[in-house]
Protein backbone atom coordinates (compact mmCIF):
# COMPACT_ATOMS: atom_id res chain seq x y z
CA MET A 1 -2.06 -16.02 13.18
CA ASN A 2 -5.40 -14.83 14.52
CA LEU A 3 -8.46 -14.04 12.45
CA SER A 4 -8.36 -10.27 12.96
CA MET A 5 -4.77 -10.14 11.70
CA LEU A 6 -5.77 -12.12 8.60
CA ARG A 7 -8.75 -9.82 7.98
CA SER A 8 -6.52 -6.76 8.17
CA LYS A 9 -4.15 -8.37 5.64
CA VAL A 10 -7.03 -9.08 3.23
CA ILE A 11 -8.41 -5.56 3.68
CA THR A 12 -4.95 -4.11 3.01
CA CYS A 13 -4.47 -6.17 -0.16
CA PHE A 14 -7.90 -5.33 -1.60
CA GLY A 15 -7.62 -1.75 -0.31
CA ILE A 16 -4.49 -1.18 -2.38
CA SER A 17 -6.38 -2.35 -5.46
CA VAL A 18 -9.39 -0.12 -4.79
CA LEU A 19 -7.45 2.99 -3.80
CA THR A 20 -4.92 2.84 -6.64
CA CYS A 21 -7.35 1.49 -9.26
CA ARG A 22 -4.61 -0.98 -10.18
CA TYR A 23 -4.38 -4.75 -9.89
CA VAL A 24 -8.19 -5.04 -10.08
CA GLY A 25 -7.93 -8.18 -12.23
CA PHE A 26 -5.54 -9.69 -9.72
CA ALA A 27 -7.99 -8.92 -6.90
CA VAL A 28 -10.89 -10.45 -8.86
CA VAL A 29 -8.87 -13.61 -9.48
CA ALA A 30 -8.22 -13.75 -5.74
CA LEU A 31 -11.97 -13.94 -5.21
CA LEU A 32 -12.09 -17.23 -7.17
CA VAL A 33 -10.87 -18.85 -3.95
CA GLU A 34 -14.29 -18.12 -2.47
CA ILE A 35 -16.01 -20.54 -4.89
CA ASN A 36 -14.56 -23.38 -2.83
CA SER A 37 -15.91 -21.76 0.33
CA ILE A 38 -19.44 -22.80 -0.71
CA PHE A 39 -18.54 -26.48 -0.43
CA LEU A 40 -16.29 -25.97 2.58
CA HIS A 41 -19.13 -24.31 4.51
CA LEU A 42 -21.66 -26.90 3.35
CA ARG A 43 -19.30 -29.55 4.70
CA GLN A 44 -19.28 -27.83 8.09
CA VAL A 45 -23.08 -27.48 8.13
CA LEU A 46 -23.47 -31.18 7.33
CA ARG A 47 -21.08 -32.07 10.15
CA MET A 48 -22.96 -29.86 12.60
CA ALA A 49 -26.23 -31.54 11.54
CA SER A 50 -24.66 -34.97 12.26
CA LEU A 51 -24.85 -35.91 8.58
CA ALA A 52 -21.16 -36.74 8.19
CA ARG A 53 -21.88 -40.36 7.30
CA THR A 54 -24.34 -39.64 4.48
CA THR A 55 -23.95 -39.87 0.72
CA LEU A 56 -24.54 -36.13 0.45
CA TYR A 57 -21.59 -35.49 2.74
CA ARG A 58 -19.37 -37.88 0.76
CA VAL A 59 -20.31 -36.28 -2.57
CA ASN A 60 -19.77 -32.81 -1.12
CA SER A 61 -16.37 -33.92 0.21
CA MET A 62 -15.28 -34.97 -3.27
CA ILE A 63 -16.58 -31.76 -4.87
CA ASN A 64 -14.96 -29.79 -2.06
CA LEU A 65 -11.62 -31.42 -2.73
CA GLY A 66 -11.91 -30.84 -6.48
CA THR A 67 -12.84 -27.19 -6.12
CA TYR A 68 -10.13 -26.82 -3.49
CA VAL A 69 -7.46 -27.86 -5.97
CA VAL A 70 -8.91 -25.84 -8.86
CA PHE A 71 -9.97 -22.66 -7.09
CA ARG A 72 -7.57 -22.46 -4.15
CA ILE A 73 -4.32 -24.19 -5.00
CA ASN A 74 -4.27 -23.35 -8.73
CA THR A 75 -5.41 -19.77 -8.12
CA LEU A 76 -2.76 -19.15 -5.46
CA ALA A 77 -0.11 -20.73 -7.71
CA TRP A 78 -1.16 -18.52 -10.64
CA MET A 79 -1.18 -15.41 -8.44
CA THR A 80 2.30 -16.19 -7.12
CA ARG A 81 3.58 -16.80 -10.64
CA TRP A 82 2.04 -13.52 -11.88
CA LEU A 83 3.54 -11.57 -8.98
CA VAL A 84 7.02 -12.99 -9.60
CA LEU A 85 6.88 -12.45 -13.38
CA ASN A 86 5.65 -8.85 -13.01
CA ARG A 87 7.91 -7.82 -10.13
CA GLN A 88 9.53 -4.98 -12.10
CA LEU A 89 6.10 -3.39 -12.76
CA ILE A 90 4.93 -3.36 -9.14
CA PRO A 91 5.93 -0.80 -6.49
CA LEU A 92 7.91 -2.27 -3.59
CA PHE A 93 5.13 -1.71 -1.02
CA SER A 94 2.48 -3.45 -3.14
CA TYR A 95 4.86 -6.26 -4.01
CA SER A 96 5.76 -6.76 -0.34
CA VAL A 97 2.14 -6.78 0.85
CA GLY A 98 1.15 -9.13 -1.97
CA SER A 99 4.05 -11.49 -1.35
CA VAL A 100 3.47 -11.70 2.40
CA GLY A 101 -0.28 -12.11 1.88
CA LEU A 102 0.22 -14.90 -0.64
CA ALA A 103 2.76 -16.64 1.58
CA ILE A 104 0.35 -16.60 4.52
CA MET A 105 -2.58 -17.77 2.40
CA THR A 106 -0.51 -20.54 0.84
CA ALA A 107 0.64 -21.82 4.22
CA MET A 108 -2.90 -21.72 5.61
CA ASN A 109 -4.29 -23.51 2.57
CA ILE A 110 -1.68 -26.27 2.75
CA VAL A 111 -2.58 -26.91 6.40
CA LEU A 112 -6.31 -26.81 5.63
CA PHE A 113 -5.86 -29.19 2.69
CA TYR A 114 -4.01 -31.67 4.91
CA ARG A 115 -6.71 -31.44 7.57
CA LEU A 116 -9.47 -31.98 5.01
CA MET A 117 -7.69 -34.97 3.50
CA ARG A 118 -7.06 -36.50 6.90
CA SER A 119 -10.59 -35.89 8.13
CA ASP A 120 -12.53 -36.97 5.03
CA PHE A 121 -10.30 -39.42 3.19
CA MET A 122 -7.87 -40.94 5.69
CA LYS A 123 -10.33 -42.09 8.31
CA SER A 124 -8.56 -45.37 8.97
CA SER A 125 -5.50 -43.56 10.33
CA ARG A 126 -7.73 -41.24 12.36
CA GLU A 127 -9.66 -44.17 13.81
CA LYS A 128 -6.37 -45.84 14.79
CA ASP A 129 -5.30 -42.63 16.54
CA LEU A 130 -8.60 -42.53 18.45
CA ARG A 131 -8.20 -46.17 19.51
CA LYS A 132 -4.66 -45.48 20.76
CA GLU A 133 -5.91 -42.49 22.77
CA LYS A 134 -8.65 -44.61 24.35
CA GLU A 135 -6.15 -47.34 25.23
CA LYS A 136 -3.88 -44.79 26.89
CA GLU A 137 -6.79 -43.51 29.01
CA MET A 138 -7.51 -47.01 30.32
């Protein structure tokens, strides 16, 4: 899925909330995910500055992982639970857009979580993979 398609999905989901003046609390809860973005972007800045082997990077990685679980995984789980429990109160169009949006976000977050874990906490397996690639090139 490309970035423009994801943006249109987010705009549609928040647009429904703004235009109908309904589900505003649900939309605000969805913004909790962005708290983790602070640490996710700081991680990227530190990597770009070649500071990936510093204590600051390591501490940020741990905070990033903690906020990832609290503000991304738990928030998406709560939103999914709320949507399922309140299905009878939600028009079909809103329910469909919300369900598809949550499914996409959940899949993307699972992949991102795996990549973060592999990159920051499973370096030994990554280093082995790099060694194998170098051996194949020779």
